[in-house]
All heavy atoms as atom14 arrays in JSON, in Angstrom:
{
  "sequence": "GRTEHSWCVEWLGPKKQLSAWHKDQETLLQKDK",
  "atom14_mask": [
    [1, 1, 1, 1, 0, 0, 0, 0, 0, 0, 0, 0, 0, 0],
    [1, 1, 1, 1, 1, 1, 1, 1, 1, 1, 1, 0, 0, 0],
    [1, 1, 1, 1, 1, 1, 1, 0, 0, 0, 0, 0, 0, 0],
    [1, 1, 1, 1, 1, 1, 1, 1, 1, 0, 0, 0, 0, 0],
    [1, 1, 1, 1, 1, 1, 1, 1, 1, 1, 0, 0, 0, 0],
    [1, 1, 1, 1, 1, 1, 0, 0, 0, 0, 0, 0, 0, 0],
    [1, 1, 1, 1, 1, 1, 1, 1, 1, 1, 1, 1, 1, 1],
    [1, 1, 1, 1, 1, 1, 0, 0, 0, 0, 0, 0, 0, 0],
    [1, 1, 1, 1, 1, 1, 1, 0, 0, 0, 0, 0, 0, 0],
    [1, 1, 1, 1, 1, 1, 1, 1, 1, 0, 0, 0, 0, 0],
    [1, 1, 1, 1, 1, 1, 1, 1, 1, 1, 1, 1, 1, 1],
    [1, 1, 1, 1, 1, 1, 1, 1, 0, 0, 0, 0, 0, 0],
    [1, 1, 1, 1, 0, 0, 0, 0, 0, 0, 0, 0, 0, 0],
    [1, 1, 1, 1, 1, 1, 1, 0, 0, 0, 0, 0, 0, 0],
    [1, 1, 1, 1, 1, 1, 1, 1, 1, 0, 0, 0, 0, 0],
    [1, 1, 1, 1, 1, 1, 1, 1, 1, 0, 0, 0, 0, 0],
    [1, 1, 1, 1, 1, 1, 1, 1, 1, 0, 0, 0, 0, 0],
    [1, 1, 1, 1, 1, 1, 1, 1, 0, 0, 0, 0, 0, 0],
    [1, 1, 1, 1, 1, 1, 0, 0, 0, 0, 0, 0, 0, 0],
    [1, 1, 1, 1, 1, 0, 0, 0, 0, 0, 0, 0, 0, 0],
    [1, 1, 1, 1, 1, 1, 1, 1, 1, 1, 1, 1, 1, 1],
    [1, 1, 1, 1, 1, 1, 1, 1, 1, 1, 0, 0, 0, 0],
    [1, 1, 1, 1, 1, 1, 1, 1, 1, 0, 0, 0, 0, 0],
    [1, 1, 1, 1, 1, 1, 1, 1, 0, 0, 0, 0, 0, 0],
    [1, 1, 1, 1, 1, 1, 1, 1, 1, 0, 0, 0, 0, 0],
    [1, 1, 1, 1, 1, 1, 1, 1, 1, 0, 0, 0, 0, 0],
    [1, 1, 1, 1, 1, 1, 1, 0, 0, 0, 0, 0, 0, 0],
    [1, 1, 1, 1, 1, 1, 1, 1, 0, 0, 0, 0, 0, 0],
    [1, 1, 1, 1, 1, 1, 1, 1, 0, 0, 0, 0, 0, 0],
    [1, 1, 1, 1, 1, 1, 1, 1, 1, 0, 0, 0, 0, 0],
    [1, 1, 1, 1, 1, 1, 1, 1, 1, 0, 0, 0, 0, 0],
    [1, 1, 1, 1, 1, 1, 1, 1, 0, 0, 0, 0, 0, 0],
    [1, 1, 1, 1, 1, 1, 1, 1, 1, 0, 0, 0, 0, 0]
  ],
  "atom14_positions": [
    [[33.77, 87.08, 93.84], [34.97, 87.75, 93.36], [34.72, 89.03, 92.6], [35.66, 89.76, 92.3], [0.0, 0.0, 0.0], [0.0, 0.0, 0.0], [0.0, 0.0, 0.0], [0.0, 0.0, 0.0], [0.0, 0.0, 0.0], [0.0, 0.0, 0.0], [0.0, 0.0, 0.0], [0.0, 0.0, 0.0], [0.0, 0.0, 0.0], [0.0, 0.0, 0.0]],
    [[33.48, 89.32, 92.29], [33.18, 90.51, 91.49], [32.83, 91.72, 92.36], [32.52, 92.78, 91.84], [32.04, 90.25, 90.51], [32.25, 89.1, 89.52], [33.67, 88.94, 89.04], [33.79, 88.05, 87.9], [34.12, 86.78, 87.97], [34.34, 86.19, 89.13], [34.25, 86.06, 86.87], [0.0, 0.0, 0.0], [0.0, 0.0, 0.0], [0.0, 0.0, 0.0]],
    [[32.91, 91.56, 93.67], [32.6, 92.65, 94.59], [33.7, 92.77, 95.64], [34.56, 91.89, 95.76], [31.28, 92.37, 95.35], [31.5, 91.33, 96.3], [30.17, 91.97, 94.41], [0.0, 0.0, 0.0], [0.0, 0.0, 0.0], [0.0, 0.0, 0.0], [0.0, 0.0, 0.0], [0.0, 0.0, 0.0], [0.0, 0.0, 0.0], [0.0, 0.0, 0.0]],
    [[33.64, 93.83, 96.42], [34.59, 93.98, 97.52], [34.24, 93.04, 98.67], [35.0, 92.9, 99.63], [34.6, 95.43, 98.01], [33.27, 95.88, 98.61], [33.3, 97.33, 99.06], [34.16, 97.66, 99.9], [32.48, 98.11, 98.55], [0.0, 0.0, 0.0], [0.0, 0.0, 0.0], [0.0, 0.0, 0.0], [0.0, 0.0, 0.0], [0.0, 0.0, 0.0]],
    [[33.1, 92.35, 98.57], [32.61, 91.49, 99.65], [32.9, 90.01, 99.42], [32.35, 89.16, 100.12], [31.11, 91.68, 99.82], [30.7, 93.1, 100.01], [31.1, 93.86, 101.07], [29.94, 93.91, 99.25], [30.6, 95.07, 100.97], [29.89, 95.13, 99.86], [0.0, 0.0, 0.0], [0.0, 0.0, 0.0], [0.0, 0.0, 0.0], [0.0, 0.0, 0.0]],
    [[33.74, 89.67, 98.44], [34.01, 88.26, 98.16], [35.38, 88.07, 97.51], [35.9, 88.97, 96.84], [32.91, 87.68, 97.27], [32.87, 88.33, 96.02], [0.0, 0.0, 0.0], [0.0, 0.0, 0.0], [0.0, 0.0, 0.0], [0.0, 0.0, 0.0], [0.0, 0.0, 0.0], [0.0, 0.0, 0.0], [0.0, 0.0, 0.0], [0.0, 0.0, 0.0]],
    [[35.93, 86.87, 97.72], [37.24, 86.48, 97.21], [37.12, 85.06, 96.7], [36.49, 84.21, 97.34], [38.28, 86.51, 98.33], [38.44, 87.84, 98.98], [39.44, 88.74, 98.75], [37.61, 88.44, 99.99], [39.28, 89.86, 99.53], [38.15, 89.7, 100.31], [36.44, 88.04, 100.64], [37.6, 90.55, 101.26], [35.87, 88.89, 101.58], [36.45, 90.12, 101.88]],
    [[37.73, 84.74, 95.55], [37.61, 83.37, 95.03], [38.71, 83.03, 94.05], [39.42, 83.91, 93.56], [36.25, 83.16, 94.36], [36.06, 83.95, 92.75], [0.0, 0.0, 0.0], [0.0, 0.0, 0.0], [0.0, 0.0, 0.0], [0.0, 0.0, 0.0], [0.0, 0.0, 0.0], [0.0, 0.0, 0.0], [0.0, 0.0, 0.0], [0.0, 0.0, 0.0]],
    [[38.81, 81.73, 93.78], [39.53, 81.24, 92.6], [38.47, 80.64, 91.69], [37.44, 80.14, 92.15], [40.65, 80.22, 92.93], [41.77, 80.9, 93.68], [40.12, 79.03, 93.67], [0.0, 0.0, 0.0], [0.0, 0.0, 0.0], [0.0, 0.0, 0.0], [0.0, 0.0, 0.0], [0.0, 0.0, 0.0], [0.0, 0.0, 0.0], [0.0, 0.0, 0.0]],
    [[38.74, 80.72, 90.39], [37.71, 80.35, 89.4], [38.36, 79.66, 88.21], [39.44, 80.03, 87.78], [37.01, 81.63, 88.97], [35.99, 81.47, 87.88], [35.36, 82.82, 87.53], [34.64, 83.37, 88.37], [35.61, 83.31, 86.41], [0.0, 0.0, 0.0], [0.0, 0.0, 0.0], [0.0, 0.0, 0.0], [0.0, 0.0, 0.0], [0.0, 0.0, 0.0]],
    [[37.64, 78.68, 87.69], [38.03, 78.0, 86.45], [36.9, 78.21, 85.47], [35.81, 77.67, 85.65], [38.25, 76.51, 86.7], [38.6, 75.75, 85.46], [37.74, 75.07, 84.65], [39.89, 75.59, 84.89], [38.42, 74.5, 83.61], [39.75, 74.8, 83.73], [41.17, 76.04, 85.23], [40.83, 74.45, 82.93], [42.24, 75.69, 84.43], [42.06, 74.9, 83.3]],
    [[37.12, 79.02, 84.44], [36.06, 79.3, 83.47], [36.65, 80.1, 82.33], [37.77, 80.55, 82.37], [34.92, 80.09, 84.13], [33.66, 80.25, 83.29], [32.97, 78.93, 83.04], [32.67, 81.2, 83.95], [0.0, 0.0, 0.0], [0.0, 0.0, 0.0], [0.0, 0.0, 0.0], [0.0, 0.0, 0.0], [0.0, 0.0, 0.0], [0.0, 0.0, 0.0]],
    [[35.83, 80.31, 81.35], [36.23, 81.16, 80.24], [36.56, 80.35, 79.0], [36.76, 79.15, 79.07], [0.0, 0.0, 0.0], [0.0, 0.0, 0.0], [0.0, 0.0, 0.0], [0.0, 0.0, 0.0], [0.0, 0.0, 0.0], [0.0, 0.0, 0.0], [0.0, 0.0, 0.0], [0.0, 0.0, 0.0], [0.0, 0.0, 0.0], [0.0, 0.0, 0.0]],
    [[36.62, 81.02, 77.85], [36.88, 80.33, 76.59], [38.23, 79.63, 76.58], [38.41, 78.62, 75.93], [36.81, 81.44, 75.55], [36.94, 82.72, 76.3], [36.46, 82.46, 77.69], [0.0, 0.0, 0.0], [0.0, 0.0, 0.0], [0.0, 0.0, 0.0], [0.0, 0.0, 0.0], [0.0, 0.0, 0.0], [0.0, 0.0, 0.0], [0.0, 0.0, 0.0]],
    [[39.2, 80.16, 77.31], [40.53, 79.55, 77.34], [40.68, 78.55, 78.48], [41.73, 77.96, 78.63], [41.59, 80.64, 77.46], [41.63, 81.56, 76.25], [42.71, 82.61, 76.42], [42.7, 83.55, 75.22], [43.66, 84.62, 75.36], [0.0, 0.0, 0.0], [0.0, 0.0, 0.0], [0.0, 0.0, 0.0], [0.0, 0.0, 0.0], [0.0, 0.0, 0.0]],
    [[39.63, 78.38, 79.27], [39.67, 77.47, 80.42], [40.94, 77.68, 81.23], [41.87, 76.9, 81.2], [39.57, 76.01, 79.97], [38.26, 75.68, 79.31], [37.12, 75.75, 80.3], [35.83, 75.34, 79.63], [34.66, 75.62, 80.38], [0.0, 0.0, 0.0], [0.0, 0.0, 0.0], [0.0, 0.0, 0.0], [0.0, 0.0, 0.0], [0.0, 0.0, 0.0]],
    [[40.97, 78.78, 81.95], [42.15, 79.11, 82.73], [41.76, 79.4, 84.18], [40.63, 79.73, 84.48], [42.86, 80.32, 82.13], [41.97, 81.54, 81.99], [42.55, 82.57, 81.05], [43.47, 82.29, 80.29], [42.03, 83.77, 81.09], [0.0, 0.0, 0.0], [0.0, 0.0, 0.0], [0.0, 0.0, 0.0], [0.0, 0.0, 0.0], [0.0, 0.0, 0.0]],
    [[42.74, 79.24, 85.06], [42.53, 79.46, 86.48], [42.83, 80.92, 86.81], [43.87, 81.45, 86.4], [43.45, 78.52, 87.28], [43.18, 78.43, 88.77], [41.82, 77.78, 89.03], [44.28, 77.62, 89.44], [0.0, 0.0, 0.0], [0.0, 0.0, 0.0], [0.0, 0.0, 0.0], [0.0, 0.0, 0.0], [0.0, 0.0, 0.0], [0.0, 0.0, 0.0]],
    [[41.92, 81.53, 87.56], [42.07, 82.93, 87.95], [41.69, 83.12, 89.4], [40.9, 82.36, 89.95], [41.15, 83.83, 87.11], [41.41, 83.72, 85.74], [0.0, 0.0, 0.0], [0.0, 0.0, 0.0], [0.0, 0.0, 0.0], [0.0, 0.0, 0.0], [0.0, 0.0, 0.0], [0.0, 0.0, 0.0], [0.0, 0.0, 0.0], [0.0, 0.0, 0.0]],
    [[42.22, 84.17, 89.99], [41.79, 84.63, 91.31], [41.03, 85.94, 91.1], [41.43, 86.75, 90.26], [42.99, 84.84, 92.22], [0.0, 0.0, 0.0], [0.0, 0.0, 0.0], [0.0, 0.0, 0.0], [0.0, 0.0, 0.0], [0.0, 0.0, 0.0], [0.0, 0.0, 0.0], [0.0, 0.0, 0.0], [0.0, 0.0, 0.0], [0.0, 0.0, 0.0]],
    [[39.95, 86.13, 91.85], [39.09, 87.31, 91.67], [38.78, 87.98, 93.01], [38.5, 87.31, 93.99], [37.76, 86.91, 91.05], [37.81, 86.58, 89.6], [38.06, 85.36, 89.05], [37.55, 87.46, 88.52], [37.99, 85.43, 87.69], [37.68, 86.71, 87.33], [37.23, 88.82, 88.43], [37.49, 87.28, 86.07], [37.05, 89.38, 87.18], [37.18, 88.62, 86.02]],
    [[38.84, 89.32, 92.99], [38.36, 90.15, 94.1], [38.13, 91.55, 93.54], [38.93, 92.04, 92.74], [39.37, 90.19, 95.24], [39.0, 91.13, 96.35], [37.82, 91.0, 97.05], [39.63, 92.21, 96.85], [37.76, 91.96, 97.97], [38.84, 92.72, 97.86], [0.0, 0.0, 0.0], [0.0, 0.0, 0.0], [0.0, 0.0, 0.0], [0.0, 0.0, 0.0]],
    [[37.04, 92.18, 93.93], [36.67, 93.53, 93.45], [36.63, 93.6, 91.94], [37.04, 94.59, 91.34], [37.64, 94.59, 93.99], [37.52, 94.87, 95.45], [38.43, 96.03, 95.81], [38.31, 96.38, 97.26], [39.19, 97.49, 97.64], [0.0, 0.0, 0.0], [0.0, 0.0, 0.0], [0.0, 0.0, 0.0], [0.0, 0.0, 0.0], [0.0, 0.0, 0.0]],
    [[36.18, 92.51, 91.3], [36.06, 92.43, 89.85], [37.41, 92.54, 89.15], [37.48, 92.89, 87.97], [35.08, 93.48, 89.31], [34.43, 93.04, 88.0], [34.4, 91.81, 87.74], [33.99, 93.9, 87.23], [0.0, 0.0, 0.0], [0.0, 0.0, 0.0], [0.0, 0.0, 0.0], [0.0, 0.0, 0.0], [0.0, 0.0, 0.0], [0.0, 0.0, 0.0]],
    [[38.51, 92.25, 89.86], [39.84, 92.26, 89.27], [40.34, 90.83, 89.18], [40.37, 90.11, 90.18], [40.79, 93.12, 90.09], [40.41, 94.58, 90.07], [41.39, 95.44, 90.86], [42.16, 94.95, 91.66], [41.32, 96.73, 90.62], [0.0, 0.0, 0.0], [0.0, 0.0, 0.0], [0.0, 0.0, 0.0], [0.0, 0.0, 0.0], [0.0, 0.0, 0.0]],
    [[40.74, 90.44, 87.99], [41.2, 89.09, 87.74], [42.72, 89.01, 87.78], [43.41, 89.85, 87.22], [40.71, 88.63, 86.36], [41.14, 87.23, 85.99], [40.65, 86.82, 84.61], [40.43, 87.71, 83.75], [40.49, 85.61, 84.38], [0.0, 0.0, 0.0], [0.0, 0.0, 0.0], [0.0, 0.0, 0.0], [0.0, 0.0, 0.0], [0.0, 0.0, 0.0]],
    [[43.22, 87.97, 88.45], [44.64, 87.65, 88.45], [44.79, 86.26, 87.85], [44.3, 85.29, 88.42], [45.21, 87.66, 89.89], [44.99, 88.94, 90.48], [46.69, 87.34, 89.89], [0.0, 0.0, 0.0], [0.0, 0.0, 0.0], [0.0, 0.0, 0.0], [0.0, 0.0, 0.0], [0.0, 0.0, 0.0], [0.0, 0.0, 0.0], [0.0, 0.0, 0.0]],
    [[45.43, 86.16, 86.67], [45.65, 84.86, 86.05], [46.69, 84.09, 86.86], [47.71, 84.65, 87.25], [46.11, 85.02, 84.61], [45.08, 85.63, 83.66], [45.68, 85.83, 82.28], [43.85, 84.76, 83.57], [0.0, 0.0, 0.0], [0.0, 0.0, 0.0], [0.0, 0.0, 0.0], [0.0, 0.0, 0.0], [0.0, 0.0, 0.0], [0.0, 0.0, 0.0]],
    [[46.43, 82.81, 87.11], [47.29, 82.04, 88.0], [48.27, 81.11, 87.29], [49.16, 80.57, 87.92], [46.44, 81.25, 88.99], [45.56, 82.11, 89.89], [44.77, 81.24, 90.84], [46.4, 83.13, 90.65], [0.0, 0.0, 0.0], [0.0, 0.0, 0.0], [0.0, 0.0, 0.0], [0.0, 0.0, 0.0], [0.0, 0.0, 0.0], [0.0, 0.0, 0.0]],
    [[48.14, 80.89, 85.99], [49.09, 80.07, 85.23], [49.3, 78.7, 85.87], [50.43, 78.23, 86.0], [50.44, 80.79, 85.1], [50.37, 82.18, 84.51], [49.82, 82.21, 83.09], [50.11, 81.34, 82.31], [49.02, 83.21, 82.79], [0.0, 0.0, 0.0], [0.0, 0.0, 0.0], [0.0, 0.0, 0.0], [0.0, 0.0, 0.0], [0.0, 0.0, 0.0]],
    [[48.23, 78.08, 86.31], [48.28, 76.75, 86.92], [47.27, 75.86, 86.21], [46.32, 76.33, 85.6], [47.91, 76.82, 88.4], [48.66, 77.84, 89.2], [49.89, 77.26, 89.82], [50.39, 78.21, 90.87], [51.72, 78.46, 90.99], [0.0, 0.0, 0.0], [0.0, 0.0, 0.0], [0.0, 0.0, 0.0], [0.0, 0.0, 0.0], [0.0, 0.0, 0.0]],
    [[47.49, 74.55, 86.32], [46.53, 73.6, 85.77], [45.26, 73.58, 86.6], [45.24, 74.0, 87.76], [47.14, 72.19, 85.76], [48.29, 72.08, 84.77], [48.31, 72.84, 83.77], [49.17, 71.24, 85.0], [0.0, 0.0, 0.0], [0.0, 0.0, 0.0], [0.0, 0.0, 0.0], [0.0, 0.0, 0.0], [0.0, 0.0, 0.0], [0.0, 0.0, 0.0]],
    [[44.19, 73.05, 86.01], [42.91, 72.94, 86.7], [43.06, 72.02, 87.92], [43.47, 70.87, 87.78], [41.86, 72.37, 85.75], [40.52, 72.17, 86.41], [39.55, 71.48, 85.47], [38.25, 71.17, 86.18], [37.35, 70.39, 85.34], [0.0, 0.0, 0.0], [0.0, 0.0, 0.0], [0.0, 0.0, 0.0], [0.0, 0.0, 0.0], [0.0, 0.0, 0.0]]
  ]
}
């Protein structure tokens, strides 16, 4: 998710939140794990 060559959803971080990542851009998903 940190490059133009990959796409992902991720659960991580101090707040333990769900995000979508592509090109190093994070989209918070506001969903449970």
